Amino acid sequence: GSVQAGESLRLSCVSSKNIFRIYFMGWYRQA
């Protein structure tokens, strides 16, 4: 979303597979 400096956001990522079995999960960004 759109926020002002100093505010907070929480991103969520839901996987179609059980993440217990996943080797790596992470977040990337592209400006």
PDB file of all heavy atoms in Angstrom:
ATOM      1  N   GLY A   1       0.821  -1.198   0.000  1.00  0.00           N
ATOM      2  CA  GLY A   1       0.000   0.000   0.000  1.00  0.00           C
ATOM      3  C   GLY A   1       0.853   1.244   0.000  1.00  0.00           C
ATOM      4  O   GLY A   1       2.077   1.179  -0.141  1.00  0.00           O
ATOM      5  N   SER A   2       0.197   2.371   0.158  1.00  0.00           N
ATOM      6  CA  SER A   2       0.868   3.668   0.210  1.00  0.00           C
ATOM      7  C   SER A   2       0.830   4.211   1.625  1.00  0.00           C
ATOM      8  O   SER A   2      -0.242   4.319   2.220  1.00  0.00           O
ATOM      9  CB  SER A   2       0.199   4.654  -0.746  1.00  0.00           C
ATOM     10  OG  SER A   2       0.308   4.219  -2.085  1.00  0.00           O
ATOM     11  N   VAL A   3       1.999   4.529   2.148  1.00  0.00           N
ATOM     12  CA  VAL A   3       2.113   5.050   3.502  1.00  0.00           C
ATOM     13  C   VAL A   3       3.093   6.208   3.518  1.00  0.00           C
ATOM     14  O   VAL A   3       3.820   6.448   2.551  1.00  0.00           O
ATOM     15  CB  VAL A   3       2.579   3.974   4.506  1.00  0.00           C
ATOM     16  CG1 VAL A   3       1.580   2.826   4.572  1.00  0.00           C
ATOM     17  CG2 VAL A   3       3.965   3.458   4.124  1.00  0.00           C
ATOM     18  N   GLN A   4       3.113   6.908   4.625  1.00  0.00           N
ATOM     19  CA  GLN A   4       4.078   7.976   4.818  1.00  0.00           C
ATOM     20  C   GLN A   4       5.287   7.455   5.578  1.00  0.00           C
ATOM     21  O   GLN A   4       5.216   6.444   6.274  1.00  0.00           O
ATOM     22  CB  GLN A   4       3.445   9.146   5.564  1.00  0.00           C
ATOM     23  CG  GLN A   4       2.361   9.856   4.780  1.00  0.00           C
ATOM     24  CD  GLN A   4       1.857  11.102   5.473  1.00  0.00           C
ATOM     25  OE1 GLN A   4       2.068  11.282   6.675  1.00  0.00           O
ATOM     26  NE2 GLN A   4       1.210  11.968   4.730  1.00  0.00           N
ATOM     27  N   ALA A   5       6.391   8.141   5.430  1.00  0.00           N
ATOM     28  CA  ALA A   5       7.618   7.755   6.120  1.00  0.00           C
ATOM     29  C   ALA A   5       7.380   7.619   7.614  1.00  0.00           C
ATOM     30  O   ALA A   5       6.689   8.440   8.223  1.00  0.00           O
ATOM     31  CB  ALA A   5       8.714   8.778   5.846  1.00  0.00           C
ATOM     32  N   GLY A   6       7.951   6.561   8.183  1.00  0.00           N
ATOM     33  CA  GLY A   6       7.807   6.296   9.599  1.00  0.00           C
ATOM     34  C   GLY A   6       6.699   5.321   9.937  1.00  0.00           C
ATOM     35  O   GLY A   6       6.666   4.794  11.057  1.00  0.00           O
ATOM     36  N   GLU A   7       5.807   5.070   9.005  1.00  0.00           N
ATOM     37  CA  GLU A   7       4.705   4.144   9.244  1.00  0.00           C
ATOM     38  C   GLU A   7       5.130   2.708   8.968  1.00  0.00           C
ATOM     39  O   GLU A   7       6.265   2.446   8.567  1.00  0.00           O
ATOM     40  CB  GLU A   7       3.499   4.533   8.398  1.00  0.00           C
ATOM     41  CG  GLU A   7       2.929   5.889   8.771  1.00  0.00           C
ATOM     42  CD  GLU A   7       1.705   6.275   7.962  1.00  0.00           C
ATOM     43  OE1 GLU A   7       1.483   5.689   6.887  1.00  0.00           O
ATOM     44  OE2 GLU A   7       0.961   7.163   8.410  1.00  0.00           O
ATOM     45  N   SER A   8       4.213   1.779   9.196  1.00  0.00           N
ATOM     46  CA  SER A   8       4.518   0.362   9.085  1.00  0.00           C
ATOM     47  C   SER A   8       3.558  -0.350   8.154  1.00  0.00           C
ATOM     48  O   SER A   8       2.417   0.082   7.951  1.00  0.00           O
ATOM     49  CB  SER A   8       4.453  -0.308  10.467  1.00  0.00           C
ATOM     50  OG  SER A   8       5.386   0.247  11.365  1.00  0.00           O
ATOM     51  N   LEU A   9       4.028  -1.448   7.598  1.00  0.00           N
ATOM     52  CA  LEU A   9       3.211  -2.346   6.800  1.00  0.00           C
ATOM     53  C   LEU A   9       3.623  -3.774   7.108  1.00  0.00           C
ATOM     54  O   LEU A   9       4.767  -4.022   7.486  1.00  0.00           O
ATOM     55  CB  LEU A   9       3.392  -2.097   5.307  1.00  0.00           C
ATOM     56  CG  LEU A   9       2.740  -0.865   4.680  1.00  0.00           C
ATOM     57  CD1 LEU A   9       3.220  -0.714   3.242  1.00  0.00           C
ATOM     58  CD2 LEU A   9       1.225  -0.978   4.721  1.00  0.00           C
ATOM     59  N   ARG A  10       2.691  -4.696   6.933  1.00  0.00           N
ATOM     60  CA  ARG A  10       3.010  -6.109   7.038  1.00  0.00           C
ATOM     61  C   ARG A  10       2.599  -6.810   5.763  1.00  0.00           C
ATOM     62  O   ARG A  10       1.418  -6.803   5.397  1.00  0.00           O
ATOM     63  CB  ARG A  10       2.321  -6.764   8.232  1.00  0.00           C
ATOM     64  CG  ARG A  10       2.804  -8.204   8.459  1.00  0.00           C
ATOM     65  CD  ARG A  10       2.156  -8.873   9.645  1.00  0.00           C
ATOM     66  NE  ARG A  10       0.769  -9.215   9.390  1.00  0.00           N
ATOM     67  CZ  ARG A  10       0.081 -10.104  10.098  1.00  0.00           C
ATOM     68  NH1 ARG A  10       0.668 -10.731  11.121  1.00  0.00           N
ATOM     69  NH2 ARG A  10      -1.184 -10.336   9.810  1.00  0.00           N
ATOM     70  N   LEU A  11       3.563  -7.398   5.098  1.00  0.00           N
ATOM     71  CA  LEU A  11       3.308  -8.147   3.884  1.00  0.00           C
ATOM     72  C   LEU A  11       3.099  -9.617   4.217  1.00  0.00           C
ATOM     73  O   LEU A  11       3.733 -10.147   5.122  1.00  0.00           O
ATOM     74  CB  LEU A  11       4.473  -8.017   2.905  1.00  0.00           C
ATOM     75  CG  LEU A  11       4.913  -6.599   2.536  1.00  0.00           C
ATOM     76  CD1 LEU A  11       6.027  -6.664   1.490  1.00  0.00           C
ATOM     77  CD2 LEU A  11       3.741  -5.774   2.041  1.00  0.00           C
ATOM     78  N   SER A  12       2.219 -10.259   3.467  1.00  0.00           N
ATOM     79  CA  SER A  12       1.950 -11.676   3.643  1.00  0.00           C
ATOM     80  C   SER A  12       2.172 -12.403   2.331  1.00  0.00           C
ATOM     81  O   SER A  12       1.905 -11.861   1.259  1.00  0.00           O
ATOM     82  CB  SER A  12       0.513 -11.910   4.108  1.00  0.00           C
ATOM     83  OG  SER A  12       0.260 -11.287   5.344  1.00  0.00           O
ATOM     84  N   CYS A  13       2.648 -13.620   2.425  1.00  0.00           N
ATOM     85  CA  CYS A  13       2.850 -14.464   1.257  1.00  0.00           C
ATOM     86  C   CYS A  13       2.316 -15.850   1.585  1.00  0.00           C
ATOM     87  O   CYS A  13       2.862 -16.535   2.457  1.00  0.00           O
ATOM     88  CB  CYS A  13       4.331 -14.535   0.897  1.00  0.00           C
ATOM     89  SG  CYS A  13       4.732 -15.690  -0.430  1.00  0.00           S
ATOM     90  N   VAL A  14       1.263 -16.244   0.893  1.00  0.00           N
ATOM     91  CA  VAL A  14       0.656 -17.547   1.110  1.00  0.00           C
ATOM     92  C   VAL A  14       1.141 -18.507   0.035  1.00  0.00           C
ATOM     93  O   VAL A  14       1.022 -18.231  -1.158  1.00  0.00           O
ATOM     94  CB  VAL A  14      -0.878 -17.469   1.086  1.00  0.00           C
ATOM     95  CG1 VAL A  14      -1.479 -18.847   1.325  1.00  0.00           C
ATOM     96  CG2 VAL A  14      -1.373 -16.493   2.146  1.00  0.00           C
ATOM     97  N   SER A  15       1.671 -19.625   0.468  1.00  0.00           N
ATOM     98  CA  SER A  15       2.200 -20.634  -0.436  1.00  0.00           C
ATOM     99  C   SER A  15       1.168 -21.721  -0.697  1.00  0.00           C
ATOM    100  O   SER A  15       0.411 -22.099   0.199  1.00  0.00           O
ATOM    101  CB  SER A  15       3.464 -21.259   0.146  1.00  0.00           C
ATOM    102  OG  SER A  15       3.882 -22.386  -0.601  1.00  0.00           O
ATOM    103  N   SER A  16       1.174 -22.243  -1.916  1.00  0.00           N
ATOM    104  CA  SER A  16       0.275 -23.335  -2.263  1.00  0.00           C
ATOM    105  C   SER A  16       0.753 -24.672  -1.705  1.00  0.00           C
ATOM    106  O   SER A  16      -0.003 -25.644  -1.721  1.00  0.00           O
ATOM    107  CB  SER A  16       0.123 -23.443  -3.782  1.00  0.00           C
ATOM    108  OG  SER A  16       1.353 -23.775  -4.397  1.00  0.00           O
ATOM    109  N   LYS A  17       1.975 -24.719  -1.227  1.00  0.00           N
ATOM    110  CA  LYS A  17       2.529 -25.923  -0.640  1.00  0.00           C
ATOM    111  C   LYS A  17       2.911 -25.679   0.810  1.00  0.00           C
ATOM    112  O   LYS A  17       3.135 -24.542   1.220  1.00  0.00           O
ATOM    113  CB  LYS A  17       3.745 -26.405  -1.427  1.00  0.00           C
ATOM    114  CG  LYS A  17       3.430 -26.922  -2.813  1.00  0.00           C
ATOM    115  CD  LYS A  17       4.645 -27.578  -3.450  1.00  0.00           C
ATOM    116  CE  LYS A  17       4.292 -28.160  -4.808  1.00  0.00           C
ATOM    117  NZ  LYS A  17       5.465 -28.837  -5.430  1.00  0.00           N
ATOM    118  N   ASN A  18       3.007 -26.762   1.550  1.00  0.00           N
ATOM    119  CA  ASN A  18       3.380 -26.689   2.950  1.00  0.00           C
ATOM    120  C   ASN A  18       4.779 -26.100   3.084  1.00  0.00           C
ATOM    121  O   ASN A  18       5.744 -26.675   2.587  1.00  0.00           O
ATOM    122  CB  ASN A  18       3.321 -28.079   3.574  1.00  0.00           C
ATOM    123  CG  ASN A  18       3.424 -28.067   5.083  1.00  0.00           C
ATOM    124  OD1 ASN A  18       4.006 -27.166   5.674  1.00  0.00           O
ATOM    125  ND2 ASN A  18       2.854 -29.072   5.714  1.00  0.00           N
ATOM    126  N   ILE A  19       4.904 -24.975   3.753  1.00  0.00           N
ATOM    127  CA  ILE A  19       6.202 -24.320   3.840  1.00  0.00           C
ATOM    128  C   ILE A  19       7.149 -25.019   4.805  1.00  0.00           C
ATOM    129  O   ILE A  19       8.334 -24.685   4.837  1.00  0.00           O
ATOM    130  CB  ILE A  19       6.067 -22.830   4.214  1.00  0.00           C
ATOM    131  CG1 ILE A  19       5.444 -22.677   5.609  1.00  0.00           C
ATOM    132  CG2 ILE A  19       5.248 -22.091   3.168  1.00  0.00           C
ATOM    133  CD1 ILE A  19       5.454 -21.245   6.109  1.00  0.00           C
ATOM    134  N   PHE A  20       6.656 -25.967   5.551  1.00  0.00           N
ATOM    135  CA  PHE A  20       7.531 -26.748   6.422  1.00  0.00           C
ATOM    136  C   PHE A  20       8.586 -27.483   5.603  1.00  0.00           C
ATOM    137  O   PHE A  20       9.693 -27.729   6.086  1.00  0.00           O
ATOM    138  CB  PHE A  20       6.708 -27.736   7.244  1.00  0.00           C
ATOM    139  CG  PHE A  20       7.527 -28.569   8.191  1.00  0.00           C
ATOM    140  CD1 PHE A  20       7.957 -28.051   9.402  1.00  0.00           C
ATOM    141  CD2 PHE A  20       7.868 -29.875   7.871  1.00  0.00           C
ATOM    142  CE1 PHE A  20       8.714 -28.810  10.282  1.00  0.00           C
ATOM    143  CE2 PHE A  20       8.618 -30.651   8.742  1.00  0.00           C
ATOM    144  CZ  PHE A  20       9.043 -30.116   9.948  1.00  0.00           C
ATOM    145  N   ARG A  21       8.241 -27.809   4.367  1.00  0.00           N
ATOM    146  CA  ARG A  21       9.140 -28.570   3.494  1.00  0.00           C
ATOM    147  C   ARG A  21      10.005 -27.665   2.619  1.00  0.00           C
ATOM    148  O   ARG A  21      10.872 -28.166   1.894  1.00  0.00           O
ATOM    149  CB  ARG A  21       8.330 -29.497   2.593  1.00  0.00           C
ATOM    150  CG  ARG A  21       7.428 -30.467   3.338  1.00  0.00           C
ATOM    151  CD  ARG A  21       6.588 -31.281   2.362  1.00  0.00           C
ATOM    152  NE  ARG A  21       5.666 -32.168   3.043  1.00  0.00           N
ATOM    153  CZ  ARG A  21       5.947 -33.386   3.443  1.00  0.00           C
ATOM    154  NH1 ARG A  21       7.154 -33.885   3.227  1.00  0.00           N
ATOM    155  NH2 ARG A  21       5.036 -34.123   4.062  1.00  0.00           N
ATOM    156  N   ILE A  22       9.804 -26.374   2.677  1.00  0.00           N
ATOM    157  CA  ILE A  22      10.482 -25.442   1.792  1.00  0.00           C
ATOM    158  C   ILE A  22      11.892 -25.135   2.281  1.00  0.00           C
ATOM    159  O   ILE A  22      12.101 -24.852   3.463  1.00  0.00           O
ATOM    160  CB  ILE A  22       9.669 -24.146   1.655  1.00  0.00           C
ATOM    161  CG1 ILE A  22       8.312 -24.439   1.011  1.00  0.00           C
ATOM    162  CG2 ILE A  22      10.433 -23.107   0.855  1.00  0.00           C
ATOM    163  CD1 ILE A  22       8.413 -24.947  -0.411  1.00  0.00           C
ATOM    164  N   TYR A  23      12.854 -25.179   1.364  1.00  0.00           N
ATOM    165  CA  TYR A  23      14.241 -24.894   1.706  1.00  0.00           C
ATOM    166  C   TYR A  23      14.454 -23.413   2.021  1.00  0.00           C
ATOM    167  O   TYR A  23      15.115 -23.070   3.001  1.00  0.00           O
ATOM    168  CB  TYR A  23      15.157 -25.319   0.555  1.00  0.00           C
ATOM    169  CG  TYR A  23      16.594 -24.884   0.735  1.00  0.00           C
ATOM    170  CD1 TYR A  23      17.421 -25.527   1.650  1.00  0.00           C
ATOM    171  CD2 TYR A  23      17.115 -23.829  -0.008  1.00  0.00           C
ATOM    172  CE1 TYR A  23      18.729 -25.132   1.819  1.00  0.00           C
ATOM    173  CE2 TYR A  23      18.422 -23.431   0.159  1.00  0.00           C
ATOM    174  CZ  TYR A  23      19.229 -24.083   1.070  1.00  0.00           C
ATOM    175  OH  TYR A  23      20.536 -23.683   1.243  1.00  0.00           O
ATOM    176  N   PHE A  24      13.900 -22.543   1.179  1.00  0.00           N
ATOM    177  CA  PHE A  24      14.099 -21.111   1.349  1.00  0.00           C
ATOM    178  C   PHE A  24      12.818 -20.339   1.039  1.00  0.00           C
ATOM    179  O   PHE A  24      12.124 -20.649   0.072  1.00  0.00           O
ATOM    180  CB  PHE A  24      15.201 -20.605   0.420  1.00  0.00           C
ATOM    181  CG  PHE A  24      15.350 -19.111   0.423  1.00  0.00           C
ATOM    182  CD1 PHE A  24      16.154 -18.479   1.360  1.00  0.00           C
ATOM    183  CD2 PHE A  24      14.687 -18.328  -0.516  1.00  0.00           C
ATOM    184  CE1 PHE A  24      16.291 -17.105   1.373  1.00  0.00           C
ATOM    185  CE2 PHE A  24      14.816 -16.952  -0.515  1.00  0.00           C
ATOM    186  CZ  PHE A  24      15.621 -16.338   0.439  1.00  0.00           C
ATOM    187  N   MET A  25      12.538 -19.360   1.858  1.00  0.00           N
ATOM    188  CA  MET A  25      11.510 -18.381   1.568  1.00  0.00           C
ATOM    189  C   MET A  25      12.058 -17.008   1.901  1.00  0.00           C
ATOM    190  O   MET A  25      12.745 -16.840   2.908  1.00  0.00           O
ATOM    191  CB  MET A  25      10.225 -18.630   2.359  1.00  0.00           C
ATOM    192  CG  MET A  25       9.477 -19.877   1.945  1.00  0.00           C
ATOM    193  SD  MET A  25       7.767 -19.929   2.568  1.00  0.00           S
ATOM    194  CE  MET A  25       6.975 -18.734   1.471  1.00  0.00           C
ATOM    195  N   GLY A  26      11.759 -16.062   1.051  1.00  0.00           N
ATOM    196  CA  GLY A  26      12.274 -14.733   1.285  1.00  0.00           C
ATOM    197  C   GLY A  26      11.484 -13.666   0.561  1.00  0.00           C
ATOM    198  O   GLY A  26      10.526 -13.947  -0.159  1.00  0.00           O
ATOM    199  N   TRP A  27      11.915 -12.455   0.790  1.00  0.00           N
ATOM    200  CA  TRP A  27      11.305 -11.290   0.164  1.00  0.00           C
ATOM    201  C   TRP A  27      12.353 -10.502  -0.598  1.00  0.00           C
ATOM    202  O   TRP A  27      13.426 -10.209  -0.067  1.00  0.00           O
ATOM    203  CB  TRP A  27      10.656 -10.383   1.208  1.00  0.00           C
ATOM    204  CG  TRP A  27       9.432 -10.965   1.828  1.00  0.00           C
ATOM    205  CD1 TRP A  27       9.350 -11.713   2.955  1.00  0.00           C
ATOM    206  CD2 TRP A  27       8.094 -10.825   1.343  1.00  0.00           C
ATOM    207  NE1 TRP A  27       8.053 -12.060   3.214  1.00  0.00           N
ATOM    208  CE2 TRP A  27       7.261 -11.527   2.238  1.00  0.00           C
ATOM    209  CE3 TRP A  27       7.518 -10.186   0.241  1.00  0.00           C
ATOM    210  CZ2 TRP A  27       5.877 -11.598   2.060  1.00  0.00           C
ATOM    211  CZ3 TRP A  27       6.151 -10.259   0.070  1.00  0.00           C
ATOM    212  CH2 TRP A  27       5.345 -10.959   0.974  1.00  0.00           C
ATOM    213  N   TYR A  28      12.033 -10.176  -1.827  1.00  0.00           N
ATOM    214  CA  TYR A  28      12.840  -9.303  -2.660  1.00  0.00           C
ATOM    215  C   TYR A  28      12.047  -8.043  -2.958  1.00  0.00           C
ATOM    216  O   TYR A  28      10.822  -8.022  -2.823  1.00  0.00           O
ATOM    217  CB  TYR A  28      13.199  -9.974  -3.986  1.00  0.00           C
ATOM    218  CG  TYR A  28      14.214 -11.095  -3.887  1.00  0.00           C
ATOM    219  CD1 TYR A  28      13.882 -12.324  -3.344  1.00  0.00           C
ATOM    220  CD2 TYR A  28      15.508 -10.924  -4.380  1.00  0.00           C
ATOM    221  CE1 TYR A  28      14.805 -13.352  -3.270  1.00  0.00           C
ATOM    222  CE2 TYR A  28      16.437 -11.947  -4.321  1.00  0.00           C
ATOM    223  CZ  TYR A  28      16.076 -13.161  -3.764  1.00  0.00           C
ATOM    224  OH  TYR A  28      17.009 -14.178  -3.710  1.00  0.00           O
ATOM    225  N   ARG A  29      12.750  -7.007  -3.373  1.00  0.00           N
ATOM    226  CA  ARG A  29      12.055  -5.812  -3.824  1.00  0.00           C
ATOM    227  C   ARG A  29      12.766  -5.234  -5.036  1.00  0.00           C
ATOM    228  O   ARG A  29      13.966  -5.434  -5.231  1.00  0.00           O
ATOM    229  CB  ARG A  29      11.964  -4.763  -2.716  1.00  0.00           C
ATOM    230  CG  ARG A  29      13.288  -4.103  -2.350  1.00  0.00           C
ATOM    231  CD  ARG A  29      13.102  -3.173  -1.167  1.00  0.00           C
ATOM    232  NE  ARG A  29      14.354  -2.561  -0.758  1.00  0.00           N
ATOM    233  CZ  ARG A  29      14.532  -1.910   0.386  1.00  0.00           C
ATOM    234  NH1 ARG A  29      13.512  -1.786   1.236  1.00  0.00           N
ATOM    235  NH2 ARG A  29      15.711  -1.381   0.676  1.00  0.00           N
ATOM    236  N   GLN A  30      12.011  -4.518  -5.830  1.00  0.00           N
ATOM    237  CA  GLN A  30      12.555  -3.853  -7.002  1.00  0.00           C
ATOM    238  C   GLN A  30      12.022  -2.434  -7.043  1.00  0.00           C
ATOM    239  O   GLN A  30      10.825  -2.215  -7.229  1.00  0.00           O
ATOM    240  CB  GLN A  30      12.194  -4.605  -8.278  1.00  0.00           C
ATOM    241  CG  GLN A  30      12.872  -4.070  -9.515  1.00  0.00           C
ATOM    242  CD  GLN A  30      12.772  -5.024 -10.688  1.00  0.00           C
ATOM    243  OE1 GLN A  30      11.913  -5.898 -10.714  1.00  0.00           O
ATOM    244  NE2 GLN A  30      13.654  -4.854 -11.648  1.00  0.00           N
ATOM    245  N   ALA A  31      12.917  -1.493  -6.862  1.00  0.00           N
ATOM    246  CA  ALA A  31      12.560  -0.086  -6.928  1.00  0.00           C
ATOM    247  C   ALA A  31      12.525   0.358  -8.386  1.00  0.00           C
ATOM    248  O   ALA A  31      13.152  -0.267  -9.250  1.00  0.00           O
ATOM    249  CB  ALA A  31      13.560   0.753  -6.143  1.00  0.00           C
TER     250      ALA A  31
END
